[in-house]
Amino acid sequence: MIRVELPAHLRTLAGVRSEITLPPDGIVSLATLLDALEARYPMLRGTIRDHQTKVRRPFLRFFACEQDLSHLPAETPLPASVLEGREPLLIVGAIAGG
């Protein structure tokens, strides 16, 4: 199972208390993972990425295996340890302000 950790506000919206697990069927990249996440939790559509363009929302970041995946193309393959369920994909809400 692929593990995904959401920020608190998205966990509340999705109605989950801890990390989400997704079956690995067809998931190879960040784009396919987000497609599967939004299919399973339709209330998250438009909160992580734009409805039309599928571009990441500005104040969210993606991390896995101590690497920032936020600026990589969405079709970049996910690390093997994420695909194997050993490491979670972290979706983190950025902090802004002064």
C-alpha atoms as a PDB file:
ATOM      1  CA  MET A   1       0.000   0.000   0.000  1.00  0.00           C
ATOM      2  CA  ILE A   2       1.158   3.510  -0.771  1.00  0.00           C
ATOM      3  CA  ARG A   3       1.097   5.829   2.227  1.00  0.00           C
ATOM      4  CA  VAL A   4       0.102   9.506   2.029  1.00  0.00           C
ATOM      5  CA  GLU A   5       0.239  12.010   4.879  1.00  0.00           C
ATOM      6  CA  LEU A   6      -1.991  15.066   4.523  1.00  0.00           C
ATOM      7  CA  PRO A   7      -1.905  18.360   6.425  1.00  0.00           C
ATOM      8  CA  ALA A   8      -4.476  18.656   9.226  1.00  0.00           C
ATOM      9  CA  HIS A   9      -6.973  20.769   7.281  1.00  0.00           C
ATOM     10  CA  LEU A  10      -7.081  18.249   4.395  1.00  0.00           C
ATOM     11  CA  ARG A  11      -7.368  15.299   6.805  1.00  0.00           C
ATOM     12  CA  THR A  12     -10.394  17.030   8.330  1.00  0.00           C
ATOM     13  CA  LEU A  13     -11.921  17.634   4.895  1.00  0.00           C
ATOM     14  CA  ALA A  14     -11.340  14.001   3.867  1.00  0.00           C
ATOM     15  CA  GLY A  15     -12.666  12.729   7.195  1.00  0.00           C
ATOM     16  CA  VAL A  16      -9.526  10.789   8.123  1.00  0.00           C
ATOM     17  CA  ARG A  17      -7.494  10.905  11.326  1.00  0.00           C
ATOM     18  CA  SER A  18      -4.149   9.578  10.158  1.00  0.00           C
ATOM     19  CA  GLU A  19      -2.252   8.754   7.009  1.00  0.00           C
ATOM     20  CA  ILE A  20      -4.120   7.475   3.965  1.00  0.00           C
ATOM     21  CA  THR A  21      -3.192   4.245   2.228  1.00  0.00           C
ATOM     22  CA  LEU A  22      -3.834   3.659  -1.456  1.00  0.00           C
ATOM     23  CA  PRO A  23      -3.500   0.418  -3.412  1.00  0.00           C
ATOM     24  CA  PRO A  24      -0.462   0.643  -5.713  1.00  0.00           C
ATOM     25  CA  ASP A  25      -2.469  -0.333  -8.811  1.00  0.00           C
ATOM     26  CA  GLY A  26      -1.390   1.959 -11.635  1.00  0.00           C
ATOM     27  CA  ILE A  27       0.412   4.468  -9.388  1.00  0.00           C
ATOM     28  CA  VAL A  28       3.856   5.290 -10.729  1.00  0.00           C
ATOM     29  CA  SER A  29       4.138   9.082 -10.488  1.00  0.00           C
ATOM     30  CA  LEU A  30       2.899  11.991  -8.422  1.00  0.00           C
ATOM     31  CA  ALA A  31       0.208  12.650 -11.053  1.00  0.00           C
ATOM     32  CA  THR A  32      -1.173   9.101 -10.900  1.00  0.00           C
ATOM     33  CA  LEU A  33      -1.001   9.119  -7.101  1.00  0.00           C
ATOM     34  CA  LEU A  34      -2.994  12.366  -6.930  1.00  0.00           C
ATOM     35  CA  ASP A  35      -5.501  10.975  -9.458  1.00  0.00           C
ATOM     36  CA  ALA A  36      -6.022   7.927  -7.196  1.00  0.00           C
ATOM     37  CA  LEU A  37      -6.240  10.101  -4.075  1.00  0.00           C
ATOM     38  CA  GLU A  38      -8.871  12.373  -5.637  1.00  0.00           C
ATOM     39  CA  ALA A  39     -10.833   9.375  -6.943  1.00  0.00           C
ATOM     40  CA  ARG A  40     -10.985   7.863  -3.462  1.00  0.00           C
ATOM     41  CA  TYR A  41     -11.578  11.208  -1.688  1.00  0.00           C
ATOM     42  CA  PRO A  42     -13.473  13.399  -4.193  1.00  0.00           C
ATOM     43  CA  MET A  43     -13.838  16.164  -1.609  1.00  0.00           C
ATOM     44  CA  LEU A  44     -10.095  16.809  -2.070  1.00  0.00           C
ATOM     45  CA  ARG A  45     -10.466  17.686  -5.779  1.00  0.00           C
ATOM     46  CA  GLY A  46      -9.257  21.214  -6.310  1.00  0.00           C
ATOM     47  CA  THR A  47      -7.606  21.479  -2.892  1.00  0.00           C
ATOM     48  CA  ILE A  48      -4.212  19.991  -3.751  1.00  0.00           C
ATOM     49  CA  ARG A  49      -4.067  20.977  -7.416  1.00  0.00           C
ATOM     50  CA  ASP A  50      -6.113  23.133  -9.759  1.00  0.00           C
ATOM     51  CA  HIS A  51      -9.222  21.501 -11.273  1.00  0.00           C
ATOM     52  CA  GLN A  52      -8.391  22.276 -14.908  1.00  0.00           C
ATOM     53  CA  THR A  53      -4.613  22.545 -15.112  1.00  0.00           C
ATOM     54  CA  LYS A  54      -3.775  19.902 -12.464  1.00  0.00           C
ATOM     55  CA  VAL A  55      -0.994  22.221 -11.254  1.00  0.00           C
ATOM     56  CA  ARG A  56      -0.039  22.069  -7.564  1.00  0.00           C
ATOM     57  CA  ARG A  57      -1.642  24.734  -5.380  1.00  0.00           C
ATOM     58  CA  PRO A  58       0.910  27.413  -4.422  1.00  0.00           C
ATOM     59  CA  PHE A  59       0.939  26.788  -0.666  1.00  0.00           C
ATOM     60  CA  LEU A  60       1.286  23.005  -0.780  1.00  0.00           C
ATOM     61  CA  ARG A  61       4.516  21.061  -1.122  1.00  0.00           C
ATOM     62  CA  PHE A  62       5.288  17.385  -1.782  1.00  0.00           C
ATOM     63  CA  PHE A  63       8.080  15.543   0.034  1.00  0.00           C
ATOM     64  CA  ALA A  64       9.300  11.951  -0.030  1.00  0.00           C
ATOM     65  CA  CYS A  65      12.523  10.331   1.157  1.00  0.00           C
ATOM     66  CA  GLU A  66      13.812  13.683   2.456  1.00  0.00           C
ATOM     67  CA  GLN A  67      13.453  15.204  -1.027  1.00  0.00           C
ATOM     68  CA  ASP A  68      11.262  18.081  -2.165  1.00  0.00           C
ATOM     69  CA  LEU A  69       9.265  16.805  -5.154  1.00  0.00           C
ATOM     70  CA  SER A  70       7.180  19.970  -5.488  1.00  0.00           C
ATOM     71  CA  HIS A  71       8.907  21.405  -8.553  1.00  0.00           C
ATOM     72  CA  LEU A  72       9.487  18.172 -10.453  1.00  0.00           C
ATOM     73  CA  PRO A  73       7.213  17.369 -13.403  1.00  0.00           C
ATOM     74  CA  ALA A  74       4.105  15.533 -12.168  1.00  0.00           C
ATOM     75  CA  GLU A  75       4.964  12.560 -14.410  1.00  0.00           C
ATOM     76  CA  THR A  76       8.324  11.987 -12.689  1.00  0.00           C
ATOM     77  CA  PRO A  77       8.361   8.458 -11.228  1.00  0.00           C
ATOM     78  CA  LEU A  78       7.940   8.314  -7.451  1.00  0.00           C
ATOM     79  CA  PRO A  79      10.818   6.881  -5.401  1.00  0.00           C
ATOM     80  CA  ALA A  80      10.710   3.088  -5.073  1.00  0.00           C
ATOM     81  CA  SER A  81      10.414   3.294  -1.277  1.00  0.00           C
ATOM     82  CA  VAL A  82       7.170   5.288  -1.651  1.00  0.00           C
ATOM     83  CA  LEU A  83       5.776   2.860  -4.215  1.00  0.00           C
ATOM     84  CA  GLU A  84       6.659  -0.048  -1.914  1.00  0.00           C
ATOM     85  CA  GLY A  85       5.034   1.613   1.133  1.00  0.00           C
ATOM     86  CA  ARG A  86       8.257   1.912   3.140  1.00  0.00           C
ATOM     87  CA  GLU A  87       8.155   5.730   3.081  1.00  0.00           C
ATOM     88  CA  PRO A  88       5.097   8.016   2.923  1.00  0.00           C
ATOM     89  CA  LEU A  89       4.487  10.814   0.468  1.00  0.00           C
ATOM     90  CA  LEU A  90       4.076  13.949   2.566  1.00  0.00           C
ATOM     91  CA  ILE A  91       1.752  16.707   1.394  1.00  0.00           C
ATOM     92  CA  VAL A  92       2.706  19.714   3.500  1.00  0.00           C
ATOM     93  CA  GLY A  93       0.980  23.063   3.843  1.00  0.00           C
ATOM     94  CA  ALA A  94       3.529  25.850   3.454  1.00  0.00           C
ATOM     95  CA  ILE A  95       3.731  28.580   6.047  1.00  0.00           C
ATOM     96  CA  ALA A  96       3.783  32.160   4.817  1.00  0.00           C
ATOM     97  CA  GLY A  97       3.661  35.503   6.461  1.00  0.00           C
ATOM     98  CA  GLY A  98       5.846  37.998   8.130  1.00  0.00           C
END
